[in-house]
Amino acid sequence: MSELDQWVAEVAVELGLGDVEVPTREVLDVARDVAHNVLRPGAPVSAYLLGLAVAAGADPADAAQRISALALRRAAPGN
């Protein structure tokens, strides 16, 4: 178990989430895309919004891809 996996497990227990599957790679990809293509403070806020979307029933991979695509479109020339 990586240090990140251990931290995620500890936070999940602390928040009463139990043994929850966290799409760590997708969350990190969203944070990277937003931080590099939109603005740094947008990364954690976007990760939070991703969590809200998943809690409301969105597919984690789809929601992450949509946020990343939006960030990449913002960075595209002409935008």
PDB file of N, CA and C in Angstrom:
ATOM      1  N   MET A   1       0.850  -1.180   0.000  1.00  0.00           N
ATOM      2  CA  MET A   1       0.000   0.000   0.000  1.00  0.00           C
ATOM      3  C   MET A   1       0.893   1.240   0.000  1.00  0.00           C
ATOM      4  N   SER A   2       0.614   2.156  -0.932  1.00  0.00           N
ATOM      5  CA  SER A   2       1.408   3.379  -1.008  1.00  0.00           C
ATOM      6  C   SER A   2       1.009   4.317   0.124  1.00  0.00           C
ATOM      7  N   GLU A   3       1.831   5.317   0.332  1.00  0.00           N
ATOM      8  CA  GLU A   3       1.522   6.313   1.361  1.00  0.00           C
ATOM      9  C   GLU A   3       0.199   7.012   1.048  1.00  0.00           C
ATOM     10  N   LEU A   4      -0.038   7.288  -0.237  1.00  0.00           N
ATOM     11  CA  LEU A   4      -1.292   7.926  -0.630  1.00  0.00           C
ATOM     12  C   LEU A   4      -2.477   7.011  -0.339  1.00  0.00           C
ATOM     13  N   ASP A   5      -2.359   5.742  -0.682  1.00  0.00           N
ATOM     14  CA  ASP A   5      -3.444   4.791  -0.401  1.00  0.00           C
ATOM     15  C   ASP A   5      -3.730   4.708   1.094  1.00  0.00           C
ATOM     16  N   GLN A   6      -2.656   4.713   1.879  1.00  0.00           N
ATOM     17  CA  GLN A   6      -2.819   4.658   3.330  1.00  0.00           C
ATOM     18  C   GLN A   6      -3.534   5.912   3.833  1.00  0.00           C
ATOM     19  N   TRP A   7      -3.138   7.072   3.331  1.00  0.00           N
ATOM     20  CA  TRP A   7      -3.773   8.330   3.732  1.00  0.00           C
ATOM     21  C   TRP A   7      -5.256   8.325   3.360  1.00  0.00           C
ATOM     22  N   VAL A   8      -5.568   7.908   2.145  1.00  0.00           N
ATOM     23  CA  VAL A   8      -6.960   7.871   1.694  1.00  0.00           C
ATOM     24  C   VAL A   8      -7.776   6.950   2.597  1.00  0.00           C
ATOM     25  N   ALA A   9      -7.229   5.810   2.951  1.00  0.00           N
ATOM     26  CA  ALA A   9      -7.923   4.866   3.834  1.00  0.00           C
ATOM     27  C   ALA A   9      -8.156   5.486   5.210  1.00  0.00           C
ATOM     28  N   GLU A  10      -7.161   6.177   5.741  1.00  0.00           N
ATOM     29  CA  GLU A  10      -7.299   6.824   7.050  1.00  0.00           C
ATOM     30  C   GLU A  10      -8.370   7.913   7.019  1.00  0.00           C
ATOM     31  N   VAL A  11      -8.375   8.718   5.967  1.00  0.00           N
ATOM     32  CA  VAL A  11      -9.369   9.786   5.850  1.00  0.00           C
ATOM     33  C   VAL A  11     -10.771   9.186   5.718  1.00  0.00           C
ATOM     34  N   ALA A  12     -10.892   8.136   4.928  1.00  0.00           N
ATOM     35  CA  ALA A  12     -12.197   7.490   4.761  1.00  0.00           C
ATOM     36  C   ALA A  12     -12.741   7.003   6.098  1.00  0.00           C
ATOM     37  N   VAL A  13     -11.885   6.404   6.909  1.00  0.00           N
ATOM     38  CA  VAL A  13     -12.309   5.946   8.233  1.00  0.00           C
ATOM     39  C   VAL A  13     -12.697   7.138   9.099  1.00  0.00           C
ATOM     40  N   GLU A  14     -11.880   8.172   9.093  1.00  0.00           N
ATOM     41  CA  GLU A  14     -12.137   9.365   9.907  1.00  0.00           C
ATOM     42  C   GLU A  14     -13.482   9.997   9.563  1.00  0.00           C
ATOM     43  N   LEU A  15     -13.838   9.967   8.284  1.00  0.00           N
ATOM     44  CA  LEU A  15     -15.088  10.582   7.834  1.00  0.00           C
ATOM     45  C   LEU A  15     -16.273   9.621   7.866  1.00  0.00           C
ATOM     46  N   GLY A  16     -16.035   8.413   8.364  1.00  0.00           N
ATOM     47  CA  GLY A  16     -17.114   7.435   8.470  1.00  0.00           C
ATOM     48  C   GLY A  16     -17.551   6.858   7.145  1.00  0.00           C
ATOM     49  N   LEU A  17     -16.663   6.852   6.161  1.00  0.00           N
ATOM     50  CA  LEU A  17     -16.998   6.336   4.841  1.00  0.00           C
ATOM     51  C   LEU A  17     -16.736   4.839   4.706  1.00  0.00           C
ATOM     52  N   GLY A  18     -16.039   4.278   5.682  1.00  0.00           N
ATOM     53  CA  GLY A  18     -15.741   2.855   5.638  1.00  0.00           C
ATOM     54  C   GLY A  18     -14.769   2.511   4.527  1.00  0.00           C
ATOM     55  N   ASP A  19     -14.951   1.331   3.966  1.00  0.00           N
ATOM     56  CA  ASP A  19     -14.064   0.834   2.911  1.00  0.00           C
ATOM     57  C   ASP A  19     -14.594   1.299   1.560  1.00  0.00           C
ATOM     58  N   VAL A  20     -14.265   2.513   1.196  1.00  0.00           N
ATOM     59  CA  VAL A  20     -14.767   3.117  -0.033  1.00  0.00           C
ATOM     60  C   VAL A  20     -13.679   3.076  -1.102  1.00  0.00           C
ATOM     61  N   GLU A  21     -14.080   2.850  -2.338  1.00  0.00           N
ATOM     62  CA  GLU A  21     -13.123   2.849  -3.439  1.00  0.00           C
ATOM     63  C   GLU A  21     -12.951   4.281  -3.938  1.00  0.00           C
ATOM     64  N   VAL A  22     -11.731   4.761  -3.924  1.00  0.00           N
ATOM     65  CA  VAL A  22     -11.441   6.129  -4.358  1.00  0.00           C
ATOM     66  C   VAL A  22     -10.685   6.063  -5.683  1.00  0.00           C
ATOM     67  N   PRO A  23     -11.196   6.716  -6.730  1.00  0.00           N
ATOM     68  CA  PRO A  23     -10.508   6.721  -8.018  1.00  0.00           C
ATOM     69  C   PRO A  23      -9.330   7.707  -7.996  1.00  0.00           C
ATOM     70  N   THR A  24      -8.306   7.332  -7.266  1.00  0.00           N
ATOM     71  CA  THR A  24      -7.170   8.225  -7.027  1.00  0.00           C
ATOM     72  C   THR A  24      -6.564   8.757  -8.315  1.00  0.00           C
ATOM     73  N   ARG A  25      -6.342   7.888  -9.277  1.00  0.00           N
ATOM     74  CA  ARG A  25      -5.719   8.309 -10.548  1.00  0.00           C
ATOM     75  C   ARG A  25      -6.568   9.389 -11.214  1.00  0.00           C
ATOM     76  N   GLU A  26      -7.882   9.193 -11.266  1.00  0.00           N
ATOM     77  CA  GLU A  26      -8.753  10.160 -11.921  1.00  0.00           C
ATOM     78  C   GLU A  26      -8.748  11.500 -11.179  1.00  0.00           C
ATOM     79  N   VAL A  27      -8.779  11.452  -9.861  1.00  0.00           N
ATOM     80  CA  VAL A  27      -8.759  12.689  -9.075  1.00  0.00           C
ATOM     81  C   VAL A  27      -7.457  13.447  -9.313  1.00  0.00           C
ATOM     82  N   LEU A  28      -6.344  12.727  -9.318  1.00  0.00           N
ATOM     83  CA  LEU A  28      -5.048  13.366  -9.555  1.00  0.00           C
ATOM     84  C   LEU A  28      -4.949  13.929 -10.971  1.00  0.00           C
ATOM     85  N   ASP A  29      -5.502  13.216 -11.943  1.00  0.00           N
ATOM     86  CA  ASP A  29      -5.486  13.714 -13.321  1.00  0.00           C
ATOM     87  C   ASP A  29      -6.305  15.003 -13.445  1.00  0.00           C
ATOM     88  N   VAL A  30      -7.466  15.036 -12.809  1.00  0.00           N
ATOM     89  CA  VAL A  30      -8.292  16.254 -12.826  1.00  0.00           C
ATOM     90  C   VAL A  30      -7.516  17.409 -12.197  1.00  0.00           C
ATOM     91  N   ALA A  31      -6.928  17.169 -11.035  1.00  0.00           N
ATOM     92  CA  ALA A  31      -6.179  18.224 -10.343  1.00  0.00           C
ATOM     93  C   ALA A  31      -5.036  18.740 -11.212  1.00  0.00           C
ATOM     94  N   ARG A  32      -4.324  17.837 -11.867  1.00  0.00           N
ATOM     95  CA  ARG A  32      -3.221  18.241 -12.745  1.00  0.00           C
ATOM     96  C   ARG A  32      -3.731  19.085 -13.900  1.00  0.00           C
ATOM     97  N   ASP A  33      -4.775  18.594 -14.579  1.00  0.00           N
ATOM     98  CA  ASP A  33      -5.273  19.309 -15.755  1.00  0.00           C
ATOM     99  C   ASP A  33      -5.792  20.694 -15.405  1.00  0.00           C
ATOM    100  N   VAL A  34      -6.496  20.803 -14.302  1.00  0.00           N
ATOM    101  CA  VAL A  34      -7.017  22.110 -13.895  1.00  0.00           C
ATOM    102  C   VAL A  34      -5.882  23.030 -13.450  1.00  0.00           C
ATOM    103  N   ALA A  35      -4.963  22.506 -12.641  1.00  0.00           N
ATOM    104  CA  ALA A  35      -3.860  23.334 -12.140  1.00  0.00           C
ATOM    105  C   ALA A  35      -2.987  23.859 -13.272  1.00  0.00           C
ATOM    106  N   HIS A  36      -2.749  23.042 -14.278  1.00  0.00           N
ATOM    107  CA  HIS A  36      -1.849  23.440 -15.366  1.00  0.00           C
ATOM    108  C   HIS A  36      -2.534  24.218 -16.478  1.00  0.00           C
ATOM    109  N   ASN A  37      -3.837  24.056 -16.619  1.00  0.00           N
ATOM    110  CA  ASN A  37      -4.519  24.669 -17.761  1.00  0.00           C
ATOM    111  C   ASN A  37      -5.541  25.733 -17.403  1.00  0.00           C
ATOM    112  N   VAL A  38      -5.927  25.808 -16.143  1.00  0.00           N
ATOM    113  CA  VAL A  38      -6.889  26.827 -15.732  1.00  0.00           C
ATOM    114  C   VAL A  38      -6.229  27.708 -14.676  1.00  0.00           C
ATOM    115  N   LEU A  39      -6.182  27.236 -13.433  1.00  0.00           N
ATOM    116  CA  LEU A  39      -5.466  27.929 -12.368  1.00  0.00           C
ATOM    117  C   LEU A  39      -5.283  26.973 -11.201  1.00  0.00           C
ATOM    118  N   ARG A  40      -4.180  27.146 -10.486  1.00  0.00           N
ATOM    119  CA  ARG A  40      -3.832  26.228  -9.403  1.00  0.00           C
ATOM    120  C   ARG A  40      -4.915  26.079  -8.330  1.00  0.00           C
ATOM    121  N   PRO A  41      -5.470  27.181  -7.822  1.00  0.00           N
ATOM    122  CA  PRO A  41      -6.494  27.021  -6.785  1.00  0.00           C
ATOM    123  C   PRO A  41      -7.737  26.285  -7.279  1.00  0.00           C
ATOM    124  N   GLY A  42      -7.908  26.205  -8.586  1.00  0.00           N
ATOM    125  CA  GLY A  42      -9.046  25.478  -9.128  1.00  0.00           C
ATOM    126  C   GLY A  42      -8.920  23.970  -8.981  1.00  0.00           C
ATOM    127  N   ALA A  43      -7.707  23.469  -8.753  1.00  0.00           N
ATOM    128  CA  ALA A  43      -7.493  22.024  -8.669  1.00  0.00           C
ATOM    129  C   ALA A  43      -8.229  21.387  -7.491  1.00  0.00           C
ATOM    130  N   PRO A  44      -8.015  21.843  -6.257  1.00  0.00           N
ATOM    131  CA  PRO A  44      -8.737  21.203  -5.155  1.00  0.00           C
ATOM    132  C   PRO A  44     -10.249  21.461  -5.208  1.00  0.00           C
ATOM    133  N   VAL A  45     -10.625  22.616  -5.700  1.00  0.00           N
ATOM    134  CA  VAL A  45     -12.057  22.919  -5.798  1.00  0.00           C
ATOM    135  C   VAL A  45     -12.708  22.010  -6.847  1.00  0.00           C
ATOM    136  N   SER A  46     -12.017  21.781  -7.945  1.00  0.00           N
ATOM    137  CA  SER A  46     -12.538  20.876  -8.971  1.00  0.00           C
ATOM    138  C   SER A  46     -12.619  19.451  -8.454  1.00  0.00           C
ATOM    139  N   ALA A  47     -11.635  19.038  -7.650  1.00  0.00           N
ATOM    140  CA  ALA A  47     -11.684  17.705  -7.044  1.00  0.00           C
ATOM    141  C   ALA A  47     -12.885  17.596  -6.112  1.00  0.00           C
ATOM    142  N   TYR A  48     -13.176  18.643  -5.398  1.00  0.00           N
ATOM    143  CA  TYR A  48     -14.358  18.669  -4.524  1.00  0.00           C
ATOM    144  C   TYR A  48     -15.633  18.541  -5.359  1.00  0.00           C
ATOM    145  N   LEU A  49     -15.710  19.297  -6.444  1.00  0.00           N
ATOM    146  CA  LEU A  49     -16.874  19.220  -7.316  1.00  0.00           C
ATOM    147  C   LEU A  49     -17.016  17.825  -7.922  1.00  0.00           C
ATOM    148  N   LEU A  50     -15.898  17.201  -8.260  1.00  0.00           N
ATOM    149  CA  LEU A  50     -15.926  15.820  -8.740  1.00  0.00           C
ATOM    150  C   LEU A  50     -16.552  14.917  -7.682  1.00  0.00           C
ATOM    151  N   GLY A  51     -16.161  15.096  -6.440  1.00  0.00           N
ATOM    152  CA  GLY A  51     -16.729  14.311  -5.351  1.00  0.00           C
ATOM    153  C   GLY A  51     -18.221  14.532  -5.190  1.00  0.00           C
ATOM    154  N   LEU A  52     -18.655  15.784  -5.318  1.00  0.00           N
ATOM    155  CA  LEU A  52     -20.094  16.069  -5.242  1.00  0.00           C
ATOM    156  C   LEU A  52     -20.850  15.379  -6.372  1.00  0.00           C
ATOM    157  N   ALA A  53     -20.275  15.412  -7.562  1.00  0.00           N
ATOM    158  CA  ALA A  53     -20.928  14.773  -8.706  1.00  0.00           C
ATOM    159  C   ALA A  53     -21.035  13.267  -8.496  1.00  0.00           C
ATOM    160  N   VAL A  54     -19.987  12.653  -8.001  1.00  0.00           N
ATOM    161  CA  VAL A  54     -19.996  11.212  -7.745  1.00  0.00           C
ATOM    162  C   VAL A  54     -21.000  10.883  -6.645  1.00  0.00           C
ATOM    163  N   ALA A  55     -21.043  11.701  -5.602  1.00  0.00           N
ATOM    164  CA  ALA A  55     -22.010  11.479  -4.521  1.00  0.00           C
ATOM    165  C   ALA A  55     -23.445  11.577  -5.029  1.00  0.00           C
ATOM    166  N   ALA A  56     -23.645  12.384  -6.071  1.00  0.00           N
ATOM    167  CA  ALA A  56     -24.975  12.537  -6.653  1.00  0.00           C
ATOM    168  C   ALA A  56     -25.279  11.452  -7.678  1.00  0.00           C
ATOM    169  N   GLY A  57     -24.329  10.536  -7.886  1.00  0.00           N
ATOM    170  CA  GLY A  57     -24.588   9.407  -8.768  1.00  0.00           C
ATOM    171  C   GLY A  57     -23.817   9.376 -10.064  1.00  0.00           C
ATOM    172  N   ALA A  58     -22.975  10.367 -10.318  1.00  0.00           N
ATOM    173  CA  ALA A  58     -22.192  10.375 -11.560  1.00  0.00           C
ATOM    174  C   ALA A  58     -21.134   9.271 -11.543  1.00  0.00           C
ATOM    175  N   ASP A  59     -20.828   8.769 -12.720  1.00  0.00           N
ATOM    176  CA  ASP A  59     -19.742   7.813 -12.863  1.00  0.00           C
ATOM    177  C   ASP A  59     -18.424   8.552 -12.641  1.00  0.00           C
ATOM    178  N   PRO A  60     -17.550   8.068 -11.730  1.00  0.00           N
ATOM    179  CA  PRO A  60     -16.311   8.792 -11.425  1.00  0.00           C
ATOM    180  C   PRO A  60     -15.422   9.015 -12.642  1.00  0.00           C
ATOM    181  N   ALA A  61     -15.244   8.005 -13.470  1.00  0.00           N
ATOM    182  CA  ALA A  61     -14.368   8.145 -14.637  1.00  0.00           C
ATOM    183  C   ALA A  61     -14.939   9.137 -15.637  1.00  0.00           C
ATOM    184  N   ASP A  62     -16.257   9.087 -15.858  1.00  0.00           N
ATOM    185  CA  ASP A  62     -16.887   9.999 -16.798  1.00  0.00           C
ATOM    186  C   ASP A  62     -16.816  11.437 -16.294  1.00  0.00           C
ATOM    187  N   ALA A  63     -17.141  11.648 -15.036  1.00  0.00           N
ATOM    188  CA  ALA A  63     -17.104  13.003 -14.478  1.00  0.00           C
ATOM    189  C   ALA A  63     -15.686  13.567 -14.514  1.00  0.00           C
ATOM    190  N   ALA A  64     -14.703  12.749 -14.176  1.00  0.00           N
ATOM    191  CA  ALA A  64     -13.304  13.199 -14.206  1.00  0.00           C
ATOM    192  C   ALA A  64     -12.895  13.565 -15.629  1.00  0.00           C
ATOM    193  N   GLN A  65     -13.286  12.741 -16.583  1.00  0.00           N
ATOM    194  CA  GLN A  65     -12.932  13.006 -17.982  1.00  0.00           C
ATOM    195  C   GLN A  65     -13.573  14.309 -18.453  1.00  0.00           C
ATOM    196  N   ARG A  66     -14.791  14.554 -18.044  1.00  0.00           N
ATOM    197  CA  ARG A  66     -15.480  15.775 -18.465  1.00  0.00           C
ATOM    198  C   ARG A  66     -14.820  17.019 -17.887  1.00  0.00           C
ATOM    199  N   ILE A  67     -14.402  16.951 -16.626  1.00  0.00           N
ATOM    200  CA  ILE A  67     -13.717  18.100 -16.009  1.00  0.00           C
ATOM    201  C   ILE A  67     -12.380  18.334 -16.690  1.00  0.00           C
ATOM    202  N   SER A  68     -11.628  17.256 -16.920  1.00  0.00           N
ATOM    203  CA  SER A  68     -10.327  17.395 -17.585  1.00  0.00           C
ATOM    204  C   SER A  68     -10.485  17.957 -18.992  1.00  0.00           C
ATOM    205  N   ALA A  69     -11.480  17.466 -19.725  1.00  0.00           N
ATOM    206  CA  ALA A  69     -11.710  17.968 -21.075  1.00  0.00           C
ATOM    207  C   ALA A  69     -12.043  19.462 -21.053  1.00  0.00           C
ATOM    208  N   LEU A  70     -12.842  19.883 -20.104  1.00  0.00           N
ATOM    209  CA  LEU A  70     -13.176  21.294 -19.961  1.00  0.00           C
ATOM    210  C   LEU A  70     -11.918  22.122 -19.694  1.00  0.00           C
ATOM    211  N   ALA A  71     -11.072  21.631 -18.799  1.00  0.00           N
ATOM    212  CA  ALA A  71      -9.821  22.336 -18.486  1.00  0.00           C
ATOM    213  C   ALA A  71      -8.925  22.423 -19.711  1.00  0.00           C
ATOM    214  N   LEU A  72      -8.842  21.350 -20.467  1.00  0.00           N
ATOM    215  CA  LEU A  72      -7.987  21.345 -21.658  1.00  0.00           C
ATOM    216  C   LEU A  72      -8.547  22.253 -22.733  1.00  0.00           C
ATOM    217  N   ARG A  73      -9.869  22.333 -22.843  1.00  0.00           N
ATOM    218  CA  ARG A  73     -10.474  23.276 -23.803  1.00  0.00           C
ATOM    219  C   ARG A  73     -10.175  24.718 -23.410  1.00  0.00           C
ATOM    220  N   ARG A  74     -10.191  24.987 -22.113  1.00  0.00           N
ATOM    221  CA  ARG A  74      -9.882  26.353 -21.641  1.00  0.00           C
ATOM    222  C   ARG A  74      -8.467  26.755 -22.022  1.00  0.00           C
ATOM    223  N   ALA A  75      -7.555  25.790 -22.064  1.00  0.00           N
ATOM    224  CA  ALA A  75      -6.155  26.074 -22.349  1.00  0.00           C
ATOM    225  C   ALA A  75      -5.859  26.110 -23.844  1.00  0.00           C
ATOM    226  N   ALA A  76      -6.800  25.650 -24.653  1.00  0.00           N
ATOM    227  CA  ALA A  76      -6.577  25.577 -26.095  1.00  0.00           C
ATOM    228  C   ALA A  76      -6.411  26.984 -26.665  1.00  0.00           C
ATOM    229  N   PRO A  77      -5.557  27.122 -27.691  1.00  0.00           N
ATOM    230  CA  PRO A  77      -5.372  28.427 -28.323  1.00  0.00           C
ATOM    231  C   PRO A  77      -6.707  29.000 -28.796  1.00  0.00           C
ATOM    232  N   GLY A  78      -6.884  30.267 -28.577  1.00  0.00           N
ATOM    233  CA  GLY A  78      -8.112  30.929 -28.996  1.00  0.00           C
ATOM    234  C   GLY A  78      -9.177  30.986 -27.922  1.00  0.00           C
ATOM    235  N   ASN A  79      -8.904  30.387 -26.775  1.00  0.00           N
ATOM    236  CA  ASN A  79      -9.882  30.416 -25.677  1.00  0.00           C
ATOM    237  C   ASN A  79      -9.420  31.341 -24.579  1.00  0.00           C
TER     238      ASN A  79
END
